[in-house]
PDB file of N, CA and C in Angstrom:
ATOM      1  N   MET A   1      79.037  35.214 -38.068  1.00  0.00           N
ATOM      2  CA  MET A   1      78.960  33.813 -37.757  1.00  0.00           C
ATOM      3  C   MET A   1      80.358  33.242 -37.821  1.00  0.00           C
ATOM      4  N   ALA A   2      80.812  32.631 -36.770  1.00  0.00           N
ATOM      5  CA  ALA A   2      82.159  32.021 -36.786  1.00  0.00           C
ATOM      6  C   ALA A   2      82.117  30.705 -37.523  1.00  0.00           C
ATOM      7  N   CYS A   3      83.135  30.452 -38.287  1.00  0.00           N
ATOM      8  CA  CYS A   3      83.216  29.228 -39.093  1.00  0.00           C
ATOM      9  C   CYS A   3      83.349  28.076 -38.187  1.00  0.00           C
ATOM     10  N   CYS A   4      84.162  28.200 -37.133  1.00  0.00           N
ATOM     11  CA  CYS A   4      84.394  27.000 -36.316  1.00  0.00           C
ATOM     12  C   CYS A   4      83.186  26.605 -35.575  1.00  0.00           C
ATOM     13  N   ALA A   5      82.151  27.438 -35.472  1.00  0.00           N
ATOM     14  CA  ALA A   5      80.893  27.116 -34.702  1.00  0.00           C
ATOM     15  C   ALA A   5      79.951  26.365 -35.609  1.00  0.00           C
ATOM     16  N   LEU A   6      80.204  26.254 -36.869  1.00  0.00           N
ATOM     17  CA  LEU A   6      79.274  25.509 -37.743  1.00  0.00           C
ATOM     18  C   LEU A   6      79.457  24.020 -37.556  1.00  0.00           C
ATOM     19  N   LYS A   7      78.371  23.405 -37.533  1.00  0.00           N
ATOM     20  CA  LYS A   7      78.393  21.886 -37.377  1.00  0.00           C
ATOM     21  C   LYS A   7      78.425  21.360 -38.815  1.00  0.00           C
ATOM     22  N   LYS A   8      78.959  20.162 -38.896  1.00  0.00           N
ATOM     23  CA  LYS A   8      78.963  19.470 -40.176  1.00  0.00           C
ATOM     24  C   LYS A   8      77.515  19.001 -40.411  1.00  0.00           C
ATOM     25  N   GLN A   9      76.972  19.258 -41.486  1.00  0.00           N
ATOM     26  CA  GLN A   9      75.538  18.937 -41.731  1.00  0.00           C
ATOM     27  C   GLN A   9      75.556  17.946 -42.938  1.00  0.00           C
ATOM     28  N   LYS A  10      74.383  17.267 -43.031  1.00  0.00           N
ATOM     29  CA  LYS A  10      74.223  16.267 -44.105  1.00  0.00           C
ATOM     30  C   LYS A  10      74.140  17.081 -45.458  1.00  0.00           C
ATOM     31  N   LYS A  11      74.710  16.544 -46.455  1.00  0.00           N
ATOM     32  CA  LYS A  11      74.709  17.141 -47.772  1.00  0.00           C
ATOM     33  C   LYS A  11      73.256  16.869 -48.353  1.00  0.00           C
ATOM     34  N   GLN A  12      72.655  17.902 -48.930  1.00  0.00           N
ATOM     35  CA  GLN A  12      71.357  17.730 -49.429  1.00  0.00           C
ATOM     36  C   GLN A  12      71.380  17.958 -50.982  1.00  0.00           C
ATOM     37  N   LEU A  13      70.393  17.485 -51.672  1.00  0.00           N
ATOM     38  CA  LEU A  13      70.260  17.652 -53.081  1.00  0.00           C
ATOM     39  C   LEU A  13      69.770  19.102 -53.352  1.00  0.00           C
ATOM     40  N   MET A  14      70.664  19.944 -53.885  1.00  0.00           N
ATOM     41  CA  MET A  14      70.345  21.357 -54.053  1.00  0.00           C
ATOM     42  C   MET A  14      69.484  21.673 -55.234  1.00  0.00           C
ATOM     43  N   ILE A  15      69.342  20.742 -56.101  1.00  0.00           N
ATOM     44  CA  ILE A  15      68.559  20.907 -57.363  1.00  0.00           C
ATOM     45  C   ILE A  15      67.135  21.107 -57.007  1.00  0.00           C
ATOM     46  N   LEU A  16      66.591  20.543 -56.022  1.00  0.00           N
ATOM     47  CA  LEU A  16      65.183  20.743 -55.667  1.00  0.00           C
ATOM     48  C   LEU A  16      64.877  22.173 -55.234  1.00  0.00           C
ATOM     49  N   PRO A  17      65.665  22.791 -54.310  1.00  0.00           N
ATOM     50  CA  PRO A  17      65.368  24.209 -54.026  1.00  0.00           C
ATOM     51  C   PRO A  17      65.586  25.148 -55.170  1.00  0.00           C
ATOM     52  N   VAL A  18      66.542  24.887 -55.976  1.00  0.00           N
ATOM     53  CA  VAL A  18      66.808  25.693 -57.192  1.00  0.00           C
ATOM     54  C   VAL A  18      65.625  25.601 -58.218  1.00  0.00           C
ATOM     55  N   PHE A  19      65.140  24.334 -58.320  1.00  0.00           N
ATOM     56  CA  PHE A  19      64.005  24.068 -59.259  1.00  0.00           C
ATOM     57  C   PHE A  19      62.796  24.786 -58.768  1.00  0.00           C
ATOM     58  N   LEU A  20      62.516  24.676 -57.451  1.00  0.00           N
ATOM     59  CA  LEU A  20      61.368  25.349 -56.872  1.00  0.00           C
ATOM     60  C   LEU A  20      61.460  26.884 -56.989  1.00  0.00           C
ATOM     61  N   PHE A  21      62.656  27.407 -56.784  1.00  0.00           N
ATOM     62  CA  PHE A  21      62.916  28.768 -56.936  1.00  0.00           C
ATOM     63  C   PHE A  21      62.555  29.272 -58.391  1.00  0.00           C
ATOM     64  N   LEU A  22      63.003  28.597 -59.341  1.00  0.00           N
ATOM     65  CA  LEU A  22      62.694  28.986 -60.730  1.00  0.00           C
ATOM     66  C   LEU A  22      61.302  28.741 -61.060  1.00  0.00           C
ATOM     67  N   LEU A  23      60.646  27.697 -60.578  1.00  0.00           N
ATOM     68  CA  LEU A  23      59.219  27.451 -60.872  1.00  0.00           C
ATOM     69  C   LEU A  23      58.384  28.566 -60.172  1.00  0.00           C
ATOM     70  N   SER A  24      58.764  28.975 -58.945  1.00  0.00           N
ATOM     71  CA  SER A  24      58.014  29.999 -58.265  1.00  0.00           C
ATOM     72  C   SER A  24      58.132  31.306 -58.919  1.00  0.00           C
ATOM     73  N   ILE A  25      59.264  31.604 -59.480  1.00  0.00           N
ATOM     74  CA  ILE A  25      59.406  32.845 -60.245  1.00  0.00           C
ATOM     75  C   ILE A  25      58.560  32.885 -61.463  1.00  0.00           C
ATOM     76  N   ILE A  26      58.530  31.734 -62.178  1.00  0.00           N
ATOM     77  CA  ILE A  26      57.789  31.574 -63.460  1.00  0.00           C
ATOM     78  C   ILE A  26      56.341  31.678 -63.224  1.00  0.00           C
ATOM     79  N   PHE A  27      55.856  30.854 -62.373  1.00  0.00           N
ATOM     80  CA  PHE A  27      54.375  30.728 -62.149  1.00  0.00           C
ATOM     81  C   PHE A  27      53.849  31.959 -61.379  1.00  0.00           C
ATOM     82  N   GLY A  28      54.609  32.350 -60.370  1.00  0.00           N
ATOM     83  CA  GLY A  28      54.207  33.505 -59.544  1.00  0.00           C
ATOM     84  C   GLY A  28      54.194  34.787 -60.369  1.00  0.00           C
ATOM     85  N   GLY A  29      55.220  34.919 -61.210  1.00  0.00           N
ATOM     86  CA  GLY A  29      55.296  36.134 -62.094  1.00  0.00           C
ATOM     87  C   GLY A  29      54.128  36.211 -63.051  1.00  0.00           C
ATOM     88  N   SER A  30      53.747  35.058 -63.639  1.00  0.00           N
ATOM     89  CA  SER A  30      52.680  34.981 -64.562  1.00  0.00           C
ATOM     90  C   SER A  30      51.327  35.220 -63.928  1.00  0.00           C
ATOM     91  N   ILE A  31      51.188  34.725 -62.740  1.00  0.00           N
ATOM     92  CA  ILE A  31      49.902  34.976 -61.949  1.00  0.00           C
ATOM     93  C   ILE A  31      49.872  36.486 -61.604  1.00  0.00           C
ATOM     94  N   ILE A  32      50.994  37.028 -61.173  1.00  0.00           N
ATOM     95  CA  ILE A  32      50.973  38.491 -60.819  1.00  0.00           C
ATOM     96  C   ILE A  32      50.688  39.384 -62.077  1.00  0.00           C
ATOM     97  N   LEU A  33      51.253  38.923 -63.259  1.00  0.00           N
ATOM     98  CA  LEU A  33      50.974  39.635 -64.490  1.00  0.00           C
ATOM     99  C   LEU A  33      49.468  39.627 -64.835  1.00  0.00           C
ATOM    100  N   PHE A  34      48.900  38.455 -64.726  1.00  0.00           N
ATOM    101  CA  PHE A  34      47.423  38.383 -65.086  1.00  0.00           C
ATOM    102  C   PHE A  34      46.540  39.120 -64.122  1.00  0.00           C
ATOM    103  N   LEU A  35      46.967  39.024 -62.784  1.00  0.00           N
ATOM    104  CA  LEU A  35      46.221  39.833 -61.867  1.00  0.00           C
ATOM    105  C   LEU A  35      46.411  41.382 -62.015  1.00  0.00           C
ATOM    106  N   SER A  36      47.584  41.759 -62.466  1.00  0.00           N
ATOM    107  CA  SER A  36      47.796  43.183 -62.734  1.00  0.00           C
ATOM    108  C   SER A  36      46.939  43.636 -63.882  1.00  0.00           C
ATOM    109  N   LEU A  37      46.844  42.820 -64.913  1.00  0.00           N
ATOM    110  CA  LEU A  37      46.013  43.153 -66.022  1.00  0.00           C
ATOM    111  C   LEU A  37      44.573  43.306 -65.652  1.00  0.00           C
ATOM    112  N   GLY A  38      44.184  42.313 -64.832  1.00  0.00           N
ATOM    113  CA  GLY A  38      42.734  42.362 -64.319  1.00  0.00           C
ATOM    114  C   GLY A  38      42.538  43.396 -63.309  1.00  0.00           C
ATOM    115  N   GLY A  39      43.615  43.834 -62.618  1.00  0.00           N
ATOM    116  CA  GLY A  39      43.520  44.969 -61.649  1.00  0.00           C
ATOM    117  C   GLY A  39      43.264  46.306 -62.282  1.00  0.00           C
ATOM    118  N   LEU A  40      43.471  46.400 -63.500  1.00  0.00           N
ATOM    119  CA  LEU A  40      43.116  47.674 -64.201  1.00  0.00           C
ATOM    120  C   LEU A  40      41.607  48.000 -64.137  1.00  0.00           C
ATOM    121  N   PHE A  41      40.856  46.846 -64.037  1.00  0.00           N
ATOM    122  CA  PHE A  41      39.371  46.947 -64.103  1.00  0.00           C
ATOM    123  C   PHE A  41      38.756  46.617 -62.766  1.00  0.00           C
ATOM    124  N   SER A  42      39.420  46.077 -61.851  1.00  0.00           N
ATOM    125  CA  SER A  42      38.772  45.616 -60.585  1.00  0.00           C
ATOM    126  C   SER A  42      39.706  45.833 -59.407  1.00  0.00           C
ATOM    127  N   ARG A  43      39.178  46.494 -58.375  1.00  0.00           N
ATOM    128  CA  ARG A  43      39.925  46.684 -57.163  1.00  0.00           C
ATOM    129  C   ARG A  43      40.120  45.429 -56.394  1.00  0.00           C
ATOM    130  N   ARG A  44      39.322  44.469 -56.482  1.00  0.00           N
ATOM    131  CA  ARG A  44      39.440  43.194 -55.807  1.00  0.00           C
ATOM    132  C   ARG A  44      40.661  42.453 -56.319  1.00  0.00           C
ATOM    133  N   LEU A  45      40.815  42.462 -57.630  1.00  0.00           N
ATOM    134  CA  LEU A  45      42.004  41.730 -58.222  1.00  0.00           C
ATOM    135  C   LEU A  45      43.249  42.458 -57.866  1.00  0.00           C
ATOM    136  N   THR A  46      43.202  43.742 -57.689  1.00  0.00           N
ATOM    137  CA  THR A  46      44.495  44.496 -57.201  1.00  0.00           C
ATOM    138  C   THR A  46      44.892  44.050 -55.827  1.00  0.00           C
ATOM    139  N   GLU A  47      43.878  43.826 -54.955  1.00  0.00           N
ATOM    140  CA  GLU A  47      44.197  43.401 -53.611  1.00  0.00           C
ATOM    141  C   GLU A  47      44.704  42.001 -53.603  1.00  0.00           C
ATOM    142  N   LYS A  48      44.101  41.126 -54.503  1.00  0.00           N
ATOM    143  CA  LYS A  48      44.632  39.744 -54.597  1.00  0.00           C
ATOM    144  C   LYS A  48      46.058  39.728 -55.135  1.00  0.00           C
ATOM    145  N   ARG A  49      46.408  40.652 -56.085  1.00  0.00           N
ATOM    146  CA  ARG A  49      47.717  40.741 -56.635  1.00  0.00           C
ATOM    147  C   ARG A  49      48.732  41.139 -55.514  1.00  0.00           C
ATOM    148  N   ASP A  50      48.271  42.012 -54.617  1.00  0.00           N
ATOM    149  CA  ASP A  50      49.177  42.484 -53.582  1.00  0.00           C
ATOM    150  C   ASP A  50      49.460  41.293 -52.536  1.00  0.00           C
ATOM    151  N   ARG A  51      48.448  40.507 -52.280  1.00  0.00           N
ATOM    152  CA  ARG A  51      48.521  39.334 -51.423  1.00  0.00           C
ATOM    153  C   ARG A  51      49.461  38.294 -52.051  1.00  0.00           C
ATOM    154  N   VAL A  52      49.275  38.049 -53.396  1.00  0.00           N
ATOM    155  CA  VAL A  52      50.099  37.070 -54.106  1.00  0.00           C
ATOM    156  C   VAL A  52      51.523  37.581 -54.057  1.00  0.00           C
ATOM    157  N   TRP A  53      51.766  38.877 -54.299  1.00  0.00           N
ATOM    158  CA  TRP A  53      53.096  39.413 -54.323  1.00  0.00           C
ATOM    159  C   TRP A  53      53.835  39.166 -52.944  1.00  0.00           C
ATOM    160  N   ASP A  54      53.106  39.489 -51.858  1.00  0.00           N
ATOM    161  CA  ASP A  54      53.712  39.235 -50.563  1.00  0.00           C
ATOM    162  C   ASP A  54      54.033  37.762 -50.343  1.00  0.00           C
ATOM    163  N   LEU A  55      53.079  36.896 -50.660  1.00  0.00           N
ATOM    164  CA  LEU A  55      53.311  35.511 -50.582  1.00  0.00           C
ATOM    165  C   LEU A  55      54.607  35.038 -51.376  1.00  0.00           C
ATOM    166  N   LEU A  56      54.645  35.520 -52.567  1.00  0.00           N
ATOM    167  CA  LEU A  56      55.751  35.152 -53.492  1.00  0.00           C
ATOM    168  C   LEU A  56      57.120  35.626 -52.960  1.00  0.00           C
ATOM    169  N   GLN A  57      57.131  36.815 -52.407  1.00  0.00           N
ATOM    170  CA  GLN A  57      58.338  37.389 -51.839  1.00  0.00           C
ATOM    171  C   GLN A  57      58.814  36.560 -50.581  1.00  0.00           C
ATOM    172  N   GLU A  58      57.812  36.153 -49.837  1.00  0.00           N
ATOM    173  CA  GLU A  58      58.177  35.391 -48.579  1.00  0.00           C
ATOM    174  C   GLU A  58      58.666  33.943 -49.027  1.00  0.00           C
ATOM    175  N   LEU A  59      58.031  33.351 -50.026  1.00  0.00           N
ATOM    176  CA  LEU A  59      58.462  32.083 -50.561  1.00  0.00           C
ATOM    177  C   LEU A  59      59.892  32.167 -51.080  1.00  0.00           C
ATOM    178  N   LEU A  60      60.182  33.133 -51.978  1.00  0.00           N
ATOM    179  CA  LEU A  60      61.407  33.277 -52.624  1.00  0.00           C
ATOM    180  C   LEU A  60      62.557  33.565 -51.620  1.00  0.00           C
ATOM    181  N   ARG A  61      62.200  34.354 -50.535  1.00  0.00           N
ATOM    182  CA  ARG A  61      63.197  34.648 -49.488  1.00  0.00           C
ATOM    183  C   ARG A  61      63.588  33.414 -48.726  1.00  0.00           C
ATOM    184  N   GLY A  62      62.599  32.501 -48.423  1.00  0.00           N
ATOM    185  CA  GLY A  62      62.921  31.284 -47.815  1.00  0.00           C
ATOM    186  C   GLY A  62      63.758  30.304 -48.629  1.00  0.00           C
ATOM    187  N   LEU A  63      63.397  30.208 -49.952  1.00  0.00           N
ATOM    188  CA  LEU A  63      64.150  29.363 -50.836  1.00  0.00           C
ATOM    189  C   LEU A  63      65.573  29.892 -51.014  1.00  0.00           C
ATOM    190  N   LYS A  64      65.728  31.215 -51.085  1.00  0.00           N
ATOM    191  CA  LYS A  64      67.096  31.775 -51.265  1.00  0.00           C
ATOM    192  C   LYS A  64      67.908  31.504 -50.050  1.00  0.00           C
ATOM    193  N   THR A  65      67.323  31.566 -48.823  1.00  0.00           N
ATOM    194  CA  THR A  65      68.061  31.294 -47.605  1.00  0.00           C
ATOM    195  C   THR A  65      68.408  29.805 -47.620  1.00  0.00           C
ATOM    196  N   LYS A  66      67.623  28.958 -48.119  1.00  0.00           N
ATOM    197  CA  LYS A  66      67.930  27.508 -48.049  1.00  0.00           C
ATOM    198  C   LYS A  66      69.032  27.239 -49.056  1.00  0.00           C
ATOM    199  N   ILE A  67      68.970  27.846 -50.232  1.00  0.00           N
ATOM    200  CA  ILE A  67      69.963  27.618 -51.277  1.00  0.00           C
ATOM    201  C   ILE A  67      71.348  28.131 -50.839  1.00  0.00           C
ATOM    202  N   LEU A  68      71.374  29.296 -50.268  1.00  0.00           N
ATOM    203  CA  LEU A  68      72.654  29.917 -49.914  1.00  0.00           C
ATOM    204  C   LEU A  68      73.241  29.347 -48.576  1.00  0.00           C
ATOM    205  N   GLY A  69      72.389  28.899 -47.693  1.00  0.00           N
ATOM    206  CA  GLY A  69      72.880  28.510 -46.374  1.00  0.00           C
ATOM    207  C   GLY A  69      73.185  27.046 -46.100  1.00  0.00           C
ATOM    208  N   GLN A  70      72.522  26.110 -46.787  1.00  0.00           N
ATOM    209  CA  GLN A  70      72.735  24.776 -46.641  1.00  0.00           C
ATOM    210  C   GLN A  70      73.916  24.229 -47.333  1.00  0.00           C
ATOM    211  N   PRO A  71      74.626  23.273 -46.839  1.00  0.00           N
ATOM    212  CA  PRO A  71      75.805  22.656 -47.641  1.00  0.00           C
ATOM    213  C   PRO A  71      75.242  21.895 -48.802  1.00  0.00           C
ATOM    214  N   PHE A  72      76.045  22.025 -49.905  1.00  0.00           N
ATOM    215  CA  PHE A  72      75.624  21.468 -51.185  1.00  0.00           C
ATOM    216  C   PHE A  72      76.394  20.185 -51.409  1.00  0.00           C
ATOM    217  N   LEU A  73      77.592  20.338 -51.974  1.00  0.00           N
ATOM    218  CA  LEU A  73      78.509  19.229 -52.220  1.00  0.00           C
ATOM    219  C   LEU A  73      79.561  19.134 -51.139  1.00  0.00           C
ATOM    220  N   PHE A  74      79.975  20.282 -50.571  1.00  0.00           N
ATOM    221  CA  PHE A  74      81.001  20.317 -49.547  1.00  0.00           C
ATOM    222  C   PHE A  74      80.446  20.739 -48.267  1.00  0.00           C
ATOM    223  N   ASP A  75      81.017  20.301 -47.198  1.00  0.00           N
ATOM    224  CA  ASP A  75      80.545  20.817 -45.860  1.00  0.00           C
ATOM    225  C   ASP A  75      80.969  22.198 -45.619  1.00  0.00           C
ATOM    226  N   SER A  76      80.514  22.740 -44.515  1.00  0.00           N
ATOM    227  CA  SER A  76      80.792  24.168 -44.226  1.00  0.00           C
ATOM    228  C   SER A  76      82.232  24.496 -43.917  1.00  0.00           C
ATOM    229  N   SER A  77      83.003  23.500 -43.483  1.00  0.00           N
ATOM    230  CA  SER A  77      84.409  23.762 -43.170  1.00  0.00           C
ATOM    231  C   SER A  77      85.161  24.164 -44.386  1.00  0.00           C
ATOM    232  N   LEU A  78      84.941  23.523 -45.574  1.00  0.00           N
ATOM    233  CA  LEU A  78      85.652  23.910 -46.785  1.00  0.00           C
ATOM    234  C   LEU A  78      85.197  25.240 -47.199  1.00  0.00           C
ATOM    235  N   ARG A  79      84.009  25.637 -47.036  1.00  0.00           N
ATOM    236  CA  ARG A  79      83.518  26.972 -47.408  1.00  0.00           C
ATOM    237  C   ARG A  79      84.236  27.995 -46.513  1.00  0.00           C
ATOM    238  N   CYS A  80      84.392  27.708 -45.256  1.00  0.00           N
ATOM    239  CA  CYS A  80      85.148  28.680 -44.421  1.00  0.00           C
ATOM    240  C   CYS A  80      86.623  28.683 -44.732  1.00  0.00           C
ATOM    241  N   LYS A  81      87.286  27.534 -45.035  1.00  0.00           N
ATOM    242  CA  LYS A  81      88.678  27.585 -45.293  1.00  0.00           C
ATOM    243  C   LYS A  81      88.939  28.429 -46.622  1.00  0.00           C
ATOM    244  N   ILE A  82      88.179  28.217 -47.614  1.00  0.00           N
ATOM    245  CA  ILE A  82      88.400  28.937 -48.911  1.00  0.00           C
ATOM    246  C   ILE A  82      88.166  30.484 -48.645  1.00  0.00           C
ATOM    247  N   SER A  83      87.051  30.825 -48.033  1.00  0.00           N
ATOM    248  CA  SER A  83      86.865  32.286 -47.805  1.00  0.00           C
ATOM    249  C   SER A  83      87.842  32.869 -46.791  1.00  0.00           C
ATOM    250  N   GLY A  84      88.338  32.079 -45.886  1.00  0.00           N
ATOM    251  CA  GLY A  84      89.385  32.502 -44.934  1.00  0.00           C
ATOM    252  C   GLY A  84      90.703  32.772 -45.647  1.00  0.00           C
ATOM    253  N   LYS A  85      91.073  31.942 -46.585  1.00  0.00           N
ATOM    254  CA  LYS A  85      92.257  32.127 -47.346  1.00  0.00           C
ATOM    255  C   LYS A  85      92.147  33.400 -48.176  1.00  0.00           C
ATOM    256  N   MET A  86      90.995  33.688 -48.728  1.00  0.00           N
ATOM    257  CA  MET A  86      90.781  34.836 -49.651  1.00  0.00           C
ATOM    258  C   MET A  86      90.690  36.148 -48.795  1.00  0.00           C
ATOM    259  N   MET A  87      90.492  35.969 -47.479  1.00  0.00           N
ATOM    260  CA  MET A  87      90.443  37.181 -46.680  1.00  0.00           C
ATOM    261  C   MET A  87      91.676  37.956 -46.641  1.00  0.00           C
ATOM    262  N   ARG A  88      92.821  37.248 -46.824  1.00  0.00           N
ATOM    263  CA  ARG A  88      94.082  37.969 -46.840  1.00  0.00           C
ATOM    264  C   ARG A  88      94.209  38.980 -48.032  1.00  0.00           C
ATOM    265  N   ARG A  89      93.635  38.607 -49.118  1.00  0.00           N
ATOM    266  CA  ARG A  89      93.656  39.432 -50.356  1.00  0.00           C
ATOM    267  C   ARG A  89      92.552  40.469 -50.377  1.00  0.00           C
ATOM    268  N   SER A  90      91.336  40.063 -50.280  1.00  0.00           N
ATOM    269  CA  SER A  90      90.214  41.031 -50.357  1.00  0.00           C
ATOM    270  C   SER A  90      89.092  40.562 -49.495  1.00  0.00           C
ATOM    271  N   THR A  91      88.688  41.313 -48.522  1.00  0.00           N
ATOM    272  CA  THR A  91      87.648  40.957 -47.670  1.00  0.00           C
ATOM    273  C   THR A  91      86.296  40.997 -48.368  1.00  0.00           C
ATOM    274  N   LEU A  92      86.138  41.908 -49.315  1.00  0.00           N
ATOM    275  CA  LEU A  92      84.943  42.033 -50.060  1.00  0.00           C
ATOM    276  C   LEU A  92      84.673  40.742 -50.929  1.00  0.00           C
ATOM    277  N   LEU A  93      85.714  40.276 -51.572  1.00  0.00           N
ATOM    278  CA  LEU A  93      85.667  39.114 -52.374  1.00  0.00           C
ATOM    279  C   LEU A  93      85.460  37.840 -51.515  1.00  0.00           C
ATOM    280  N   ALA A  94      86.092  37.833 -50.379  1.00  0.00           N
ATOM    281  CA  ALA A  94      85.966  36.690 -49.533  1.00  0.00           C
ATOM    282  C   ALA A  94      84.527  36.551 -48.960  1.00  0.00           C
ATOM    283  N   GLY A  95      83.962  37.798 -48.650  1.00  0.00           N
ATOM    284  CA  GLY A  95      82.511  37.764 -48.197  1.00  0.00           C
ATOM    285  C   GLY A  95      81.573  37.310 -49.305  1.00  0.00           C
ATOM    286  N   ALA A  96      81.792  37.682 -50.532  1.00  0.00           N
ATOM    287  CA  ALA A  96      80.970  37.232 -51.606  1.00  0.00           C
ATOM    288  C   ALA A  96      81.125  35.762 -51.859  1.00  0.00           C
ATOM    289  N   VAL A  97      82.328  35.215 -51.825  1.00  0.00           N
ATOM    290  CA  VAL A  97      82.544  33.840 -52.027  1.00  0.00           C
ATOM    291  C   VAL A  97      81.894  33.008 -50.836  1.00  0.00           C
ATOM    292  N   TYR A  98      81.985  33.534 -49.645  1.00  0.00           N
ATOM    293  CA  TYR A  98      81.320  32.766 -48.490  1.00  0.00           C
ATOM    294  C   TYR A  98      79.818  32.740 -48.567  1.00  0.00           C
ATOM    295  N   ARG A  99      79.202  33.928 -49.046  1.00  0.00           N
ATOM    296  CA  ARG A  99      77.780  34.041 -49.122  1.00  0.00           C
ATOM    297  C   ARG A  99      77.270  33.180 -50.276  1.00  0.00           C
ATOM    298  N   TYR A 100      77.944  33.340 -51.428  1.00  0.00           N
ATOM    299  CA  TYR A 100      77.381  32.650 -52.657  1.00  0.00           C
ATOM    300  C   TYR A 100      78.171  31.362 -53.002  1.00  0.00           C
ATOM    301  N   PHE A 101      78.780  30.748 -52.052  1.00  0.00           N
ATOM    302  CA  PHE A 101      79.575  29.581 -52.243  1.00  0.00           C
ATOM    303  C   PHE A 101      78.802  28.433 -52.977  1.00  0.00           C
ATOM    304  N   ASN A 102      77.594  28.167 -52.551  1.00  0.00           N
ATOM    305  CA  ASN A 102      76.839  27.160 -53.225  1.00  0.00           C
ATOM    306  C   ASN A 102      76.444  27.476 -54.656  1.00  0.00           C
ATOM    307  N   LEU A 103      76.157  28.648 -54.913  1.00  0.00           N
ATOM    308  CA  LEU A 103      75.866  29.099 -56.321  1.00  0.00           C
ATOM    309  C   LEU A 103      77.146  28.995 -57.179  1.00  0.00           C
ATOM    310  N   ILE A 104      78.273  29.361 -56.640  1.00  0.00           N
ATOM    311  CA  ILE A 104      79.588  29.295 -57.344  1.00  0.00           C
ATOM    312  C   ILE A 104      79.879  27.800 -57.690  1.00  0.00           C
ATOM    313  N   VAL A 105      79.698  26.974 -56.692  1.00  0.00           N
ATOM    314  CA  VAL A 105      79.934  25.513 -56.977  1.00  0.00           C
ATOM    315  C   VAL A 105      78.927  24.914 -58.002  1.00  0.00           C
ATOM    316  N   LEU A 106      77.654  25.314 -57.856  1.00  0.00           N
ATOM    317  CA  LEU A 106      76.684  24.854 -58.825  1.00  0.00           C
ATOM    318  C   LEU A 106      77.016  25.349 -60.269  1.00  0.00           C
ATOM    319  N   ALA A 107      77.389  26.644 -60.430  1.00  0.00           N
ATOM    320  CA  ALA A 107      77.755  27.190 -61.653  1.00  0.00           C
ATOM    321  C   ALA A 107      79.005  26.511 -62.286  1.00  0.00           C
ATOM    322  N   ILE A 108      79.996  26.188 -61.474  1.00  0.00           N
ATOM    323  CA  ILE A 108      81.182  25.486 -61.924  1.00  0.00           C
ATOM    324  C   ILE A 108      80.793  24.077 -62.383  1.00  0.00           C
ATOM    325  N   LEU A 109      79.841  23.446 -61.575  1.00  0.00           N
ATOM    326  CA  LEU A 109      79.442  22.065 -61.967  1.00  0.00           C
ATOM    327  C   LEU A 109      78.745  22.140 -63.281  1.00  0.00           C
ATOM    328  N   ILE A 110      77.812  22.993 -63.436  1.00  0.00           N
ATOM    329  CA  ILE A 110      77.014  23.091 -64.713  1.00  0.00           C
ATOM    330  C   ILE A 110      77.982  23.374 -65.915  1.00  0.00           C
ATOM    331  N   PHE A 111      78.916  24.331 -65.740  1.00  0.00           N
ATOM    332  CA  PHE A 111      79.822  24.730 -66.809  1.00  0.00           C
ATOM    333  C   PHE A 111      80.687  23.507 -67.118  1.00  0.00           C
ATOM    334  N   SER A 112      81.196  22.782 -66.167  1.00  0.00           N
ATOM    335  CA  SER A 112      81.971  21.591 -66.419  1.00  0.00           C
ATOM    336  C   SER A 112      81.230  20.549 -67.213  1.00  0.00           C
ATOM    337  N   LEU A 113      79.937  20.294 -66.812  1.00  0.00           N
ATOM    338  CA  LEU A 113      79.147  19.303 -67.461  1.00  0.00           C
ATOM    339  C   LEU A 113      78.879  19.781 -68.889  1.00  0.00           C
ATOM    340  N   PHE A 114      78.593  21.035 -69.181  1.00  0.00           N
ATOM    341  CA  PHE A 114      78.380  21.579 -70.429  1.00  0.00           C
ATOM    342  C   PHE A 114      79.632  21.421 -71.291  1.00  0.00           C
ATOM    343  N   SER A 115      80.832  21.728 -70.738  1.00  0.00           N
ATOM    344  CA  SER A 115      82.039  21.591 -71.460  1.00  0.00           C
ATOM    345  C   SER A 115      82.339  20.156 -71.840  1.00  0.00           C
ATOM    346  N   LEU A 116      81.970  19.226 -70.933  1.00  0.00           N
ATOM    347  CA  LEU A 116      82.196  17.784 -71.215  1.00  0.00           C
ATOM    348  C   LEU A 116      81.302  17.334 -72.366  1.00  0.00           C
ATOM    349  N   VAL A 117      80.094  17.795 -72.313  1.00  0.00           N
ATOM    350  CA  VAL A 117      79.123  17.374 -73.328  1.00  0.00           C
ATOM    351  C   VAL A 117      79.558  17.994 -74.743  1.00  0.00           C
ATOM    352  N   GLN A 118      79.983  19.202 -74.724  1.00  0.00           N
ATOM    353  CA  GLN A 118      80.461  19.910 -75.955  1.00  0.00           C
ATOM    354  C   GLN A 118      81.715  19.145 -76.561  1.00  0.00           C
ATOM    355  N   GLY A 119      82.578  18.822 -75.614  1.00  0.00           N
ATOM    356  CA  GLY A 119      83.827  18.061 -76.010  1.00  0.00           C
ATOM    357  C   GLY A 119      83.482  16.771 -76.626  1.00  0.00           C
ATOM    358  N   ALA A 120      82.532  16.027 -76.004  1.00  0.00           N
ATOM    359  CA  ALA A 120      82.196  14.737 -76.551  1.00  0.00           C
ATOM    360  C   ALA A 120      81.481  14.880 -77.886  1.00  0.00           C
ATOM    361  N   ARG A 121      80.709  15.910 -78.131  1.00  0.00           N
ATOM    362  CA  ARG A 121      80.102  16.142 -79.387  1.00  0.00           C
ATOM    363  C   ARG A 121      81.044  16.567 -80.465  1.00  0.00           C
ATOM    364  N   THR A 122      82.084  17.241 -80.041  1.00  0.00           N
ATOM    365  CA  THR A 122      83.131  17.686 -80.958  1.00  0.00           C
ATOM    366  C   THR A 122      83.949  16.434 -81.473  1.00  0.00           C
ATOM    367  N   LEU A 123      84.235  15.529 -80.524  1.00  0.00           N
ATOM    368  CA  LEU A 123      84.948  14.353 -80.865  1.00  0.00           C
ATOM    369  C   LEU A 123      84.127  13.288 -81.561  1.00  0.00           C
ATOM    370  N   GLY A 124      82.822  13.453 -81.479  1.00  0.00           N
ATOM    371  CA  GLY A 124      81.910  12.539 -82.236  1.00  0.00           C
ATOM    372  C   GLY A 124      81.654  11.269 -81.324  1.00  0.00           C
ATOM    373  N   ILE A 125      81.712  11.443 -80.084  1.00  0.00           N
ATOM    374  CA  ILE A 125      81.471  10.285 -79.124  1.00  0.00           C
ATOM    375  C   ILE A 125      79.949  10.201 -78.879  1.00  0.00           C
TER     376      ILE A 125
END
């Protein structure tokens, strides 16, 4: 995908897809666990477990695509500029930064917020 072909898109609130992703893993995993335990005694529960597993995989794949593909705080042009400059040094690293740009930005944002809170607690504010 060429960077210059990307259109500027509206920034979206990324916390909702991340929250849905985590909730899907927690609840879907617990449902699959209970159906697996019940599947030891019933073939029908084993079939339900397989259907739930397929549905959960499809849901998580869609949420992952949304989290990684949509612009979060910055538009796609910044994502392309940063990964393009990194391409001179390491193509592997540039590809990883381009693909996981939103997660990197989210991790930096969470780490900065955590550091700010810890600093305020240390100073007694």
